[in-house]
Amino acid sequence: MKYDLVNVTKKDDQVTQYYEKNNIQNGGVDASFVEKYGRPEHEFVRPRYMFVGEYYIGLEKTYRSTDPRFSNVLIKEMFWHLHDDLNLTCWFHYKDEQWRVFSYIFWPPGAVF
């Protein structure tokens, strides 16, 4: 399998279009994402301490990995393969009795994090 190195912190034109076109807002509920994008390729719920690495850097803004108060906060990950050249991963926390998005990333398949 061939992997391409991709700078996922620099938005290319296609990714920028998807960010603008999809207008994802923090606080959106998980059901609205399923309605919009269909059933995810995978989804799971894990405590914060299990989300480690560059792929999860967006979680740091809300739940710092260095803060022990957040280590057991439950986070739900949902992943969609939208097109041959585009994936979407969203992370949700449980707030107001619903899973609400607090971080997401559009990224090309084969990206190495």
PDB file of N, CA and C in Angstrom:
ATOM      1  N   MET A   1       0.843  -1.177   0.000  1.00  0.00           N
ATOM      2  CA  MET A   1       0.000   0.000   0.000  1.00  0.00           C
ATOM      3  C   MET A   1       0.891   1.245   0.000  1.00  0.00           C
ATOM      4  N   LYS A   2       0.611   2.192  -0.849  1.00  0.00           N
ATOM      5  CA  LYS A   2       1.391   3.417  -0.968  1.00  0.00           C
ATOM      6  C   LYS A   2       0.759   4.514  -0.122  1.00  0.00           C
ATOM      7  N   TYR A   3       1.586   5.228   0.629  1.00  0.00           N
ATOM      8  CA  TYR A   3       1.110   6.345   1.437  1.00  0.00           C
ATOM      9  C   TYR A   3       1.796   7.619   0.983  1.00  0.00           C
ATOM     10  N   ASP A   4       1.047   8.682   0.915  1.00  0.00           N
ATOM     11  CA  ASP A   4       1.604   9.979   0.578  1.00  0.00           C
ATOM     12  C   ASP A   4       1.686  10.816   1.840  1.00  0.00           C
ATOM     13  N   LEU A   5       2.795  11.509   2.012  1.00  0.00           N
ATOM     14  CA  LEU A   5       2.898  12.449   3.119  1.00  0.00           C
ATOM     15  C   LEU A   5       2.124  13.700   2.751  1.00  0.00           C
ATOM     16  N   VAL A   6       1.280  14.133   3.643  1.00  0.00           N
ATOM     17  CA  VAL A   6       0.414  15.279   3.386  1.00  0.00           C
ATOM     18  C   VAL A   6       0.498  16.220   4.569  1.00  0.00           C
ATOM     19  N   ASN A   7       0.615  17.508   4.297  1.00  0.00           N
ATOM     20  CA  ASN A   7       0.585  18.501   5.366  1.00  0.00           C
ATOM     21  C   ASN A   7      -0.871  18.754   5.721  1.00  0.00           C
ATOM     22  N   VAL A   8      -1.360  18.109   6.775  1.00  0.00           N
ATOM     23  CA  VAL A   8      -2.775  18.233   7.116  1.00  0.00           C
ATOM     24  C   VAL A   8      -3.082  19.534   7.848  1.00  0.00           C
ATOM     25  N   THR A   9      -2.053  20.291   8.228  1.00  0.00           N
ATOM     26  CA  THR A   9      -2.313  21.569   8.888  1.00  0.00           C
ATOM     27  C   THR A   9      -2.505  22.692   7.879  1.00  0.00           C
ATOM     28  N   LYS A  10      -2.112  22.463   6.630  1.00  0.00           N
ATOM     29  CA  LYS A  10      -2.286  23.461   5.581  1.00  0.00           C
ATOM     30  C   LYS A  10      -3.442  23.019   4.696  1.00  0.00           C
ATOM     31  N   LYS A  11      -4.480  23.815   4.666  1.00  0.00           N
ATOM     32  CA  LYS A  11      -5.655  23.443   3.882  1.00  0.00           C
ATOM     33  C   LYS A  11      -5.398  23.689   2.400  1.00  0.00           C
ATOM     34  N   ASP A  12      -5.623  22.660   1.582  1.00  0.00           N
ATOM     35  CA  ASP A  12      -5.536  22.866   0.143  1.00  0.00           C
ATOM     36  C   ASP A  12      -6.894  23.360  -0.352  1.00  0.00           C
ATOM     37  N   ASP A  13      -6.988  23.671  -1.634  1.00  0.00           N
ATOM     38  CA  ASP A  13      -8.224  24.239  -2.173  1.00  0.00           C
ATOM     39  C   ASP A  13      -9.418  23.319  -1.992  1.00  0.00           C
ATOM     40  N   GLN A  14      -9.228  22.030  -2.239  1.00  0.00           N
ATOM     41  CA  GLN A  14     -10.349  21.100  -2.124  1.00  0.00           C
ATOM     42  C   GLN A  14     -10.834  21.003  -0.682  1.00  0.00           C
ATOM     43  N   VAL A  15      -9.902  20.854   0.251  1.00  0.00           N
ATOM     44  CA  VAL A  15     -10.286  20.754   1.655  1.00  0.00           C
ATOM     45  C   VAL A  15     -10.955  22.044   2.106  1.00  0.00           C
ATOM     46  N   THR A  16     -10.431  23.188   1.683  1.00  0.00           N
ATOM     47  CA  THR A  16     -11.047  24.470   2.028  1.00  0.00           C
ATOM     48  C   THR A  16     -12.475  24.523   1.524  1.00  0.00           C
ATOM     49  N   GLN A  17     -12.725  24.049   0.305  1.00  0.00           N
ATOM     50  CA  GLN A  17     -14.090  24.018  -0.232  1.00  0.00           C
ATOM     51  C   GLN A  17     -14.996  23.183   0.658  1.00  0.00           C
ATOM     52  N   TYR A  18     -14.512  22.038   1.121  1.00  0.00           N
ATOM     53  CA  TYR A  18     -15.342  21.179   1.968  1.00  0.00           C
ATOM     54  C   TYR A  18     -15.604  21.824   3.319  1.00  0.00           C
ATOM     55  N   TYR A  19     -14.603  22.501   3.886  1.00  0.00           N
ATOM     56  CA  TYR A  19     -14.828  23.196   5.153  1.00  0.00           C
ATOM     57  C   TYR A  19     -15.913  24.250   4.979  1.00  0.00           C
ATOM     58  N   GLU A  20     -15.831  25.014   3.898  1.00  0.00           N
ATOM     59  CA  GLU A  20     -16.804  26.084   3.668  1.00  0.00           C
ATOM     60  C   GLU A  20     -18.173  25.524   3.290  1.00  0.00           C
ATOM     61  N   LYS A  21     -18.205  24.538   2.401  1.00  0.00           N
ATOM     62  CA  LYS A  21     -19.462  23.989   1.911  1.00  0.00           C
ATOM     63  C   LYS A  21     -20.215  23.230   3.004  1.00  0.00           C
ATOM     64  N   ASN A  22     -19.508  22.529   3.860  1.00  0.00           N
ATOM     65  CA  ASN A  22     -20.161  21.707   4.870  1.00  0.00           C
ATOM     66  C   ASN A  22     -20.551  22.486   6.112  1.00  0.00           C
ATOM     67  N   ASN A  23     -19.933  23.622   6.330  1.00  0.00           N
ATOM     68  CA  ASN A  23     -20.333  24.521   7.407  1.00  0.00           C
ATOM     69  C   ASN A  23     -20.590  23.779   8.722  1.00  0.00           C
ATOM     70  N   ILE A  24     -19.640  22.976   9.142  1.00  0.00           N
ATOM     71  CA  ILE A  24     -19.768  22.255  10.411  1.00  0.00           C
ATOM     72  C   ILE A  24     -19.602  23.247  11.552  1.00  0.00           C
ATOM     73  N   GLN A  25     -20.526  23.212  12.474  1.00  0.00           N
ATOM     74  CA  GLN A  25     -20.493  24.106  13.628  1.00  0.00           C
ATOM     75  C   GLN A  25     -20.232  23.291  14.889  1.00  0.00           C
ATOM     76  N   ASN A  26     -19.358  23.794  15.753  1.00  0.00           N
ATOM     77  CA  ASN A  26     -19.169  23.135  17.038  1.00  0.00           C
ATOM     78  C   ASN A  26     -20.498  23.090  17.765  1.00  0.00           C
ATOM     79  N   GLY A  27     -20.782  21.968  18.378  1.00  0.00           N
ATOM     80  CA  GLY A  27     -22.039  21.801  19.098  1.00  0.00           C
ATOM     81  C   GLY A  27     -23.087  21.032  18.326  1.00  0.00           C
ATOM     82  N   GLY A  28     -22.838  20.753  17.031  1.00  0.00           N
ATOM     83  CA  GLY A  28     -23.784  19.961  16.250  1.00  0.00           C
ATOM     84  C   GLY A  28     -23.892  18.554  16.823  1.00  0.00           C
ATOM     85  N   VAL A  29     -25.072  17.966  16.772  1.00  0.00           N
ATOM     86  CA  VAL A  29     -25.273  16.637  17.366  1.00  0.00           C
ATOM     87  C   VAL A  29     -24.936  15.524  16.374  1.00  0.00           C
ATOM     88  N   ASP A  30     -24.554  14.375  16.918  1.00  0.00           N
ATOM     89  CA  ASP A  30     -24.103  13.258  16.084  1.00  0.00           C
ATOM     90  C   ASP A  30     -25.160  12.795  15.090  1.00  0.00           C
ATOM     91  N   ALA A  31     -26.423  12.826  15.475  1.00  0.00           N
ATOM     92  CA  ALA A  31     -27.498  12.384  14.569  1.00  0.00           C
ATOM     93  C   ALA A  31     -27.557  13.237  13.306  1.00  0.00           C
ATOM     94  N   SER A  32     -27.245  14.523  13.427  1.00  0.00           N
ATOM     95  CA  SER A  32     -27.279  15.393  12.243  1.00  0.00           C
ATOM     96  C   SER A  32     -26.160  15.033  11.266  1.00  0.00           C
ATOM     97  N   PHE A  33     -25.039  14.529  11.769  1.00  0.00           N
ATOM     98  CA  PHE A  33     -23.940  14.108  10.895  1.00  0.00           C
ATOM     99  C   PHE A  33     -24.306  12.822  10.156  1.00  0.00           C
ATOM    100  N   VAL A  34     -24.979  11.913  10.846  1.00  0.00           N
ATOM    101  CA  VAL A  34     -25.430  10.677  10.201  1.00  0.00           C
ATOM    102  C   VAL A  34     -26.458  11.011   9.130  1.00  0.00           C
ATOM    103  N   GLU A  35     -27.322  11.956   9.421  1.00  0.00           N
ATOM    104  CA  GLU A  35     -28.326  12.385   8.437  1.00  0.00           C
ATOM    105  C   GLU A  35     -27.659  13.004   7.209  1.00  0.00           C
ATOM    106  N   LYS A  36     -26.623  13.797   7.440  1.00  0.00           N
ATOM    107  CA  LYS A  36     -25.959  14.513   6.348  1.00  0.00           C
ATOM    108  C   LYS A  36     -24.997  13.623   5.549  1.00  0.00           C
ATOM    109  N   TYR A  37     -24.204  12.790   6.242  1.00  0.00           N
ATOM    110  CA  TYR A  37     -23.139  12.027   5.586  1.00  0.00           C
ATOM    111  C   TYR A  37     -23.419  10.524   5.491  1.00  0.00           C
ATOM    112  N   GLY A  38     -24.505  10.059   6.106  1.00  0.00           N
ATOM    113  CA  GLY A  38     -24.804   8.632   6.111  1.00  0.00           C
ATOM    114  C   GLY A  38     -24.139   7.928   7.282  1.00  0.00           C
ATOM    115  N   ARG A  39     -24.280   6.622   7.279  1.00  0.00           N
ATOM    116  CA  ARG A  39     -23.706   5.828   8.360  1.00  0.00           C
ATOM    117  C   ARG A  39     -22.178   5.911   8.298  1.00  0.00           C
ATOM    118  N   PRO A  40     -21.512   6.164   9.423  1.00  0.00           N
ATOM    119  CA  PRO A  40     -20.048   6.267   9.401  1.00  0.00           C
ATOM    120  C   PRO A  40     -19.383   4.913   9.164  1.00  0.00           C
ATOM    121  N   GLU A  41     -18.167   4.964   8.617  1.00  0.00           N
ATOM    122  CA  GLU A  41     -17.367   3.749   8.425  1.00  0.00           C
ATOM    123  C   GLU A  41     -17.073   3.099   9.773  1.00  0.00           C
ATOM    124  N   HIS A  42     -16.775   3.934  10.759  1.00  0.00           N
ATOM    125  CA  HIS A  42     -16.614   3.420  12.115  1.00  0.00           C
ATOM    126  C   HIS A  42     -16.986   4.501  13.112  1.00  0.00           C
ATOM    127  N   GLU A  43     -17.356   4.047  14.296  1.00  0.00           N
ATOM    128  CA  GLU A  43     -17.586   4.949  15.416  1.00  0.00           C
ATOM    129  C   GLU A  43     -17.338   4.176  16.697  1.00  0.00           C
ATOM    130  N   PHE A  44     -16.805   4.879  17.679  1.00  0.00           N
ATOM    131  CA  PHE A  44     -16.558   4.256  18.975  1.00  0.00           C
ATOM    132  C   PHE A  44     -16.480   5.344  20.035  1.00  0.00           C
ATOM    133  N   VAL A  45     -16.605   4.928  21.280  1.00  0.00           N
ATOM    134  CA  VAL A  45     -16.500   5.827  22.429  1.00  0.00           C
ATOM    135  C   VAL A  45     -15.372   5.305  23.306  1.00  0.00           C
ATOM    136  N   ARG A  46     -14.455   6.218  23.655  1.00  0.00           N
ATOM    137  CA  ARG A  46     -13.315   5.871  24.503  1.00  0.00           C
ATOM    138  C   ARG A  46     -13.019   7.032  25.444  1.00  0.00           C
ATOM    139  N   PRO A  47     -12.313   6.761  26.533  1.00  0.00           N
ATOM    140  CA  PRO A  47     -11.889   7.861  27.404  1.00  0.00           C
ATOM    141  C   PRO A  47     -10.790   8.679  26.729  1.00  0.00           C
ATOM    142  N   ARG A  48     -10.686   9.937  27.095  1.00  0.00           N
ATOM    143  CA  ARG A  48      -9.733  10.875  26.480  1.00  0.00           C
ATOM    144  C   ARG A  48      -8.312  10.328  26.440  1.00  0.00           C
ATOM    145  N   TYR A  49      -7.868   9.684  27.501  1.00  0.00           N
ATOM    146  CA  TYR A  49      -6.470   9.252  27.557  1.00  0.00           C
ATOM    147  C   TYR A  49      -6.100   8.265  26.445  1.00  0.00           C
ATOM    148  N   MET A  50      -7.072   7.664  25.797  1.00  0.00           N
ATOM    149  CA  MET A  50      -6.783   6.706  24.721  1.00  0.00           C
ATOM    150  C   MET A  50      -6.593   7.376  23.356  1.00  0.00           C
ATOM    151  N   PHE A  51      -6.838   8.660  23.265  1.00  0.00           N
ATOM    152  CA  PHE A  51      -6.673   9.396  22.008  1.00  0.00           C
ATOM    153  C   PHE A  51      -5.318  10.102  22.048  1.00  0.00           C
ATOM    154  N   VAL A  52      -4.304   9.453  21.496  1.00  0.00           N
ATOM    155  CA  VAL A  52      -2.941   9.961  21.572  1.00  0.00           C
ATOM    156  C   VAL A  52      -2.357  10.052  20.170  1.00  0.00           C
ATOM    157  N   GLY A  53      -1.621  11.118  19.901  1.00  0.00           N
ATOM    158  CA  GLY A  53      -0.923  11.259  18.629  1.00  0.00           C
ATOM    159  C   GLY A  53      -1.387  12.469  17.845  1.00  0.00           C
ATOM    160  N   GLU A  54      -0.676  12.731  16.771  1.00  0.00           N
ATOM    161  CA  GLU A  54      -0.928  13.919  15.957  1.00  0.00           C
ATOM    162  C   GLU A  54      -2.331  13.936  15.358  1.00  0.00           C
ATOM    163  N   TYR A  55      -2.860  12.773  15.035  1.00  0.00           N
ATOM    164  CA  TYR A  55      -4.208  12.674  14.467  1.00  0.00           C
ATOM    165  C   TYR A  55      -5.246  13.304  15.394  1.00  0.00           C
ATOM    166  N   TYR A  56      -4.971  13.284  16.681  1.00  0.00           N
ATOM    167  CA  TYR A  56      -5.927  13.774  17.681  1.00  0.00           C
ATOM    168  C   TYR A  56      -5.577  15.156  18.218  1.00  0.00           C
ATOM    169  N   ILE A  57      -4.725  15.893  17.537  1.00  0.00           N
ATOM    170  CA  ILE A  57      -4.269  17.194  18.025  1.00  0.00           C
ATOM    171  C   ILE A  57      -5.427  18.171  18.228  1.00  0.00           C
ATOM    172  N   GLY A  58      -6.492  18.047  17.450  1.00  0.00           N
ATOM    173  CA  GLY A  58      -7.642  18.934  17.593  1.00  0.00           C
ATOM    174  C   GLY A  58      -8.355  18.794  18.925  1.00  0.00           C
ATOM    175  N   LEU A  59      -8.189  17.669  19.582  1.00  0.00           N
ATOM    176  CA  LEU A  59      -8.823  17.449  20.881  1.00  0.00           C
ATOM    177  C   LEU A  59      -8.157  18.264  21.976  1.00  0.00           C
ATOM    178  N   GLU A  60      -6.894  18.630  21.761  1.00  0.00           N
ATOM    179  CA  GLU A  60      -6.117  19.348  22.775  1.00  0.00           C
ATOM    180  C   GLU A  60      -6.725  20.695  23.157  1.00  0.00           C
ATOM    181  N   LYS A  61      -7.358  21.347  22.218  1.00  0.00           N
ATOM    182  CA  LYS A  61      -7.933  22.665  22.495  1.00  0.00           C
ATOM    183  C   LYS A  61      -9.000  22.588  23.595  1.00  0.00           C
ATOM    184  N   THR A  62      -9.778  21.525  23.591  1.00  0.00           N
ATOM    185  CA  THR A  62     -10.864  21.366  24.557  1.00  0.00           C
ATOM    186  C   THR A  62     -10.462  20.504  25.744  1.00  0.00           C
ATOM    187  N   TYR A  63      -9.759  19.412  25.469  1.00  0.00           N
ATOM    188  CA  TYR A  63      -9.384  18.454  26.513  1.00  0.00           C
ATOM    189  C   TYR A  63      -7.881  18.189  26.465  1.00  0.00           C
ATOM    190  N   ARG A  64      -7.108  18.989  27.187  1.00  0.00           N
ATOM    191  CA  ARG A  64      -5.646  18.850  27.202  1.00  0.00           C
ATOM    192  C   ARG A  64      -5.245  17.469  27.720  1.00  0.00           C
ATOM    193  N   SER A  65      -4.380  16.807  26.996  1.00  0.00           N
ATOM    194  CA  SER A  65      -3.925  15.476  27.410  1.00  0.00           C
ATOM    195  C   SER A  65      -3.069  15.535  28.671  1.00  0.00           C
ATOM    196  N   THR A  66      -2.521  16.704  28.969  1.00  0.00           N
ATOM    197  CA  THR A  66      -1.679  16.862  30.153  1.00  0.00           C
ATOM    198  C   THR A  66      -2.480  17.191  31.407  1.00  0.00           C
ATOM    199  N   ASP A  67      -3.777  17.377  31.270  1.00  0.00           N
ATOM    200  CA  ASP A  67      -4.626  17.708  32.417  1.00  0.00           C
ATOM    201  C   ASP A  67      -5.338  16.442  32.899  1.00  0.00           C
ATOM    202  N   PRO A  68      -4.977  15.934  34.075  1.00  0.00           N
ATOM    203  CA  PRO A  68      -5.568  14.687  34.558  1.00  0.00           C
ATOM    204  C   PRO A  68      -7.084  14.743  34.755  1.00  0.00           C
ATOM    205  N   ARG A  69      -7.643  15.922  34.879  1.00  0.00           N
ATOM    206  CA  ARG A  69      -9.104  16.040  35.037  1.00  0.00           C
ATOM    207  C   ARG A  69      -9.842  15.531  33.805  1.00  0.00           C
ATOM    208  N   PHE A  70      -9.195  15.547  32.652  1.00  0.00           N
ATOM    209  CA  PHE A  70      -9.846  15.162  31.402  1.00  0.00           C
ATOM    210  C   PHE A  70      -9.559  13.721  30.973  1.00  0.00           C
ATOM    211  N   SER A  71      -8.703  13.026  31.687  1.00  0.00           N
ATOM    212  CA  SER A  71      -8.250  11.710  31.214  1.00  0.00           C
ATOM    213  C   SER A  71      -9.379  10.696  31.019  1.00  0.00           C
ATOM    214  N   ASN A  72     -10.444  10.787  31.795  1.00  0.00           N
ATOM    215  CA  ASN A  72     -11.544   9.822  31.667  1.00  0.00           C
ATOM    216  C   ASN A  72     -12.798  10.395  31.029  1.00  0.00           C
ATOM    217  N   VAL A  73     -12.708  11.586  30.474  1.00  0.00           N
ATOM    218  CA  VAL A  73     -13.847  12.156  29.751  1.00  0.00           C
ATOM    219  C   VAL A  73     -14.107  11.280  28.528  1.00  0.00           C
ATOM    220  N   LEU A  74     -15.349  10.875  28.346  1.00  0.00           N
ATOM    221  CA  LEU A  74     -15.684  10.036  27.194  1.00  0.00           C
ATOM    222  C   LEU A  74     -15.781  10.868  25.921  1.00  0.00           C
ATOM    223  N   ILE A  75     -15.155  10.362  24.870  1.00  0.00           N
ATOM    224  CA  ILE A  75     -15.152  11.018  23.565  1.00  0.00           C
ATOM    225  C   ILE A  75     -15.606   9.998  22.525  1.00  0.00           C
ATOM    226  N   LYS A  76     -16.479  10.449  21.660  1.00  0.00           N
ATOM    227  CA  LYS A  76     -16.981   9.601  20.575  1.00  0.00           C
ATOM    228  C   LYS A  76     -16.311  10.030  19.275  1.00  0.00           C
ATOM    229  N   GLU A  77     -15.756   9.059  18.548  1.00  0.00           N
ATOM    230  CA  GLU A  77     -15.157   9.333  17.242  1.00  0.00           C
ATOM    231  C   GLU A  77     -16.038   8.723  16.169  1.00  0.00           C
ATOM    232  N   MET A  78     -16.294   9.508  15.121  1.00  0.00           N
ATOM    233  CA  MET A  78     -17.030   9.017  13.953  1.00  0.00           C
ATOM    234  C   MET A  78     -16.205   9.352  12.714  1.00  0.00           C
ATOM    235  N   PHE A  79     -16.104   8.385  11.796  1.00  0.00           N
ATOM    236  CA  PHE A  79     -15.274   8.532  10.600  1.00  0.00           C
ATOM    237  C   PHE A  79     -16.087   8.198   9.355  1.00  0.00           C
ATOM    238  N   TRP A  80     -15.977   9.069   8.354  1.00  0.00           N
ATOM    239  CA  TRP A  80     -16.620   8.838   7.061  1.00  0.00           C
ATOM    240  C   TRP A  80     -15.580   8.913   5.954  1.00  0.00           C
ATOM    241  N   HIS A  81     -15.672   8.013   5.000  1.00  0.00           N
ATOM    242  CA  HIS A  81     -14.889   8.083   3.761  1.00  0.00           C
ATOM    243  C   HIS A  81     -15.837   8.716   2.744  1.00  0.00           C
ATOM    244  N   LEU A  82     -15.721  10.029   2.555  1.00  0.00           N
ATOM    245  CA  LEU A  82     -16.692  10.780   1.756  1.00  0.00           C
ATOM    246  C   LEU A  82     -16.519  10.582   0.255  1.00  0.00           C
ATOM    247  N   HIS A  83     -15.272  10.609  -0.202  1.00  0.00           N
ATOM    248  CA  HIS A  83     -14.945  10.463  -1.625  1.00  0.00           C
ATOM    249  C   HIS A  83     -13.618   9.725  -1.729  1.00  0.00           C
ATOM    250  N   ASP A  84     -13.228   9.378  -2.947  1.00  0.00           N
ATOM    251  CA  ASP A  84     -11.939   8.703  -3.132  1.00  0.00           C
ATOM    252  C   ASP A  84     -10.784   9.517  -2.561  1.00  0.00           C
ATOM    253  N   ASP A  85     -10.950  10.826  -2.543  1.00  0.00           N
ATOM    254  CA  ASP A  85      -9.859  11.691  -2.118  1.00  0.00           C
ATOM    255  C   ASP A  85     -10.172  12.492  -0.852  1.00  0.00           C
ATOM    256  N   LEU A  86     -11.167  12.057  -0.066  1.00  0.00           N
ATOM    257  CA  LEU A  86     -11.526  12.858   1.107  1.00  0.00           C
ATOM    258  C   LEU A  86     -12.180  12.022   2.210  1.00  0.00           C
ATOM    259  N   ASN A  87     -11.663  12.181   3.420  1.00  0.00           N
ATOM    260  CA  ASN A  87     -12.230  11.575   4.624  1.00  0.00           C
ATOM    261  C   ASN A  87     -12.668  12.678   5.583  1.00  0.00           C
ATOM    262  N   LEU A  88     -13.546  12.320   6.492  1.00  0.00           N
ATOM    263  CA  LEU A  88     -13.977  13.226   7.557  1.00  0.00           C
ATOM    264  C   LEU A  88     -13.969  12.449   8.863  1.00  0.00           C
ATOM    265  N   THR A  89     -13.317  13.008   9.867  1.00  0.00           N
ATOM    266  CA  THR A  89     -13.380  12.456  11.216  1.00  0.00           C
ATOM    267  C   THR A  89     -13.910  13.547  12.131  1.00  0.00           C
ATOM    268  N   CYS A  90     -14.879  13.179  12.974  1.00  0.00           N
ATOM    269  CA  CYS A  90     -15.454  14.105  13.953  1.00  0.00           C
ATOM    270  C   CYS A  90     -15.318  13.504  15.342  1.00  0.00           C
ATOM    271  N   TRP A  91     -15.098  14.375  16.328  1.00  0.00           N
ATOM    272  CA  TRP A  91     -15.040  13.958  17.721  1.00  0.00           C
ATOM    273  C   TRP A  91     -16.123  14.699  18.490  1.00  0.00           C
ATOM    274  N   PHE A  92     -16.825  13.960  19.330  1.00  0.00           N
ATOM    275  CA  PHE A  92     -17.973  14.473  20.068  1.00  0.00           C
ATOM    276  C   PHE A  92     -17.767  14.262  21.565  1.00  0.00           C
ATOM    277  N   HIS A  93     -18.309  15.178  22.354  1.00  0.00           N
ATOM    278  CA  HIS A  93     -18.388  14.950  23.798  1.00  0.00           C
ATOM    279  C   HIS A  93     -19.862  14.961  24.194  1.00  0.00           C
ATOM    280  N   TYR A  94     -20.158  14.341  25.321  1.00  0.00           N
ATOM    281  CA  TYR A  94     -21.548  14.213  25.766  1.00  0.00           C
ATOM    282  C   TYR A  94     -21.897  15.435  26.597  1.00  0.00           C
ATOM    283  N   LYS A  95     -22.801  16.235  26.066  1.00  0.00           N
ATOM    284  CA  LYS A  95     -23.168  17.498  26.710  1.00  0.00           C
ATOM    285  C   LYS A  95     -24.658  17.712  26.512  1.00  0.00           C
ATOM    286  N   ASP A  96     -25.338  18.135  27.564  1.00  0.00           N
ATOM    287  CA  ASP A  96     -26.785  18.382  27.494  1.00  0.00           C
ATOM    288  C   ASP A  96     -27.534  17.157  26.968  1.00  0.00           C
ATOM    289  N   GLU A  97     -27.104  15.981  27.423  1.00  0.00           N
ATOM    290  CA  GLU A  97     -27.738  14.703  27.085  1.00  0.00           C
ATOM    291  C   GLU A  97     -27.676  14.343  25.599  1.00  0.00           C
ATOM    292  N   GLN A  98     -26.666  14.890  24.896  1.00  0.00           N
ATOM    293  CA  GLN A  98     -26.459  14.564  23.482  1.00  0.00           C
ATOM    294  C   GLN A  98     -24.967  14.556  23.185  1.00  0.00           C
ATOM    295  N   TRP A  99     -24.583  13.785  22.168  1.00  0.00           N
ATOM    296  CA  TRP A  99     -23.207  13.821  21.685  1.00  0.00           C
ATOM    297  C   TRP A  99     -23.076  15.022  20.756  1.00  0.00           C
ATOM    298  N   ARG A 100     -22.199  15.969  21.132  1.00  0.00           N
ATOM    299  CA  ARG A 100     -22.024  17.207  20.370  1.00  0.00           C
ATOM    300  C   ARG A 100     -20.591  17.313  19.848  1.00  0.00           C
ATOM    301  N   VAL A 101     -20.465  17.692  18.572  1.00  0.00           N
ATOM    302  CA  VAL A 101     -19.142  17.794  17.958  1.00  0.00           C
ATOM    303  C   VAL A 101     -18.356  18.938  18.605  1.00  0.00           C
ATOM    304  N   PHE A 102     -17.073  18.689  18.847  1.00  0.00           N
ATOM    305  CA  PHE A 102     -16.204  19.755  19.338  1.00  0.00           C
ATOM    306  C   PHE A 102     -14.919  19.849  18.528  1.00  0.00           C
ATOM    307  N   SER A 103     -14.664  18.879  17.661  1.00  0.00           N
ATOM    308  CA  SER A 103     -13.495  18.937  16.791  1.00  0.00           C
ATOM    309  C   SER A 103     -13.741  18.041  15.577  1.00  0.00           C
ATOM    310  N   TYR A 104     -13.153  18.418  14.446  1.00  0.00           N
ATOM    311  CA  TYR A 104     -13.305  17.614  13.228  1.00  0.00           C
ATOM    312  C   TYR A 104     -12.165  17.931  12.279  1.00  0.00           C
ATOM    313  N   ILE A 105     -11.953  17.021  11.333  1.00  0.00           N
ATOM    314  CA  ILE A 105     -10.914  17.244  10.331  1.00  0.00           C
ATOM    315  C   ILE A 105     -11.321  16.563   9.028  1.00  0.00           C
ATOM    316  N   PHE A 106     -11.166  17.287   7.922  1.00  0.00           N
ATOM    317  CA  PHE A 106     -11.249  16.700   6.585  1.00  0.00           C
ATOM    318  C   PHE A 106      -9.813  16.366   6.204  1.00  0.00           C
ATOM    319  N   TRP A 107      -9.585  15.183   5.668  1.00  0.00           N
ATOM    320  CA  TRP A 107      -8.218  14.803   5.331  1.00  0.00           C
ATOM    321  C   TRP A 107      -8.209  13.794   4.187  1.00  0.00           C
ATOM    322  N   PRO A 108      -7.120  13.790   3.403  1.00  0.00           N
ATOM    323  CA  PRO A 108      -7.038  12.874   2.261  1.00  0.00           C
ATOM    324  C   PRO A 108      -6.666  11.465   2.709  1.00  0.00           C
ATOM    325  N   PRO A 109      -7.272  10.442   2.101  1.00  0.00           N
ATOM    326  CA  PRO A 109      -6.871   9.068   2.402  1.00  0.00           C
ATOM    327  C   PRO A 109      -5.373   8.887   2.145  1.00  0.00           C
ATOM    328  N   GLY A 110      -4.734   8.100   2.959  1.00  0.00           N
ATOM    329  CA  GLY A 110      -3.305   7.868   2.805  1.00  0.00           C
ATOM    330  C   GLY A 110      -2.440   8.865   3.540  1.00  0.00           C
ATOM    331  N   ALA A 111      -3.046   9.869   4.156  1.00  0.00           N
ATOM    332  CA  ALA A 111      -2.265  10.845   4.918  1.00  0.00           C
ATOM    333  C   ALA A 111      -1.579  10.135   6.079  1.00  0.00           C
ATOM    334  N   VAL A 112      -0.344  10.521   6.341  1.00  0.00           N
ATOM    335  CA  VAL A 112       0.407   9.950   7.453  1.00  0.00           C
ATOM    336  C   VAL A 112       0.461  10.992   8.552  1.00  0.00           C
ATOM    337  N   PHE A 113      -0.078  10.658   9.686  1.00  0.00           N
ATOM    338  CA  PHE A 113      -0.097  11.604  10.813  1.00  0.00           C
ATOM    339  C   PHE A 113       1.042  11.306  11.757  1.00  0.00           C
TER     340      PHE A 113
END
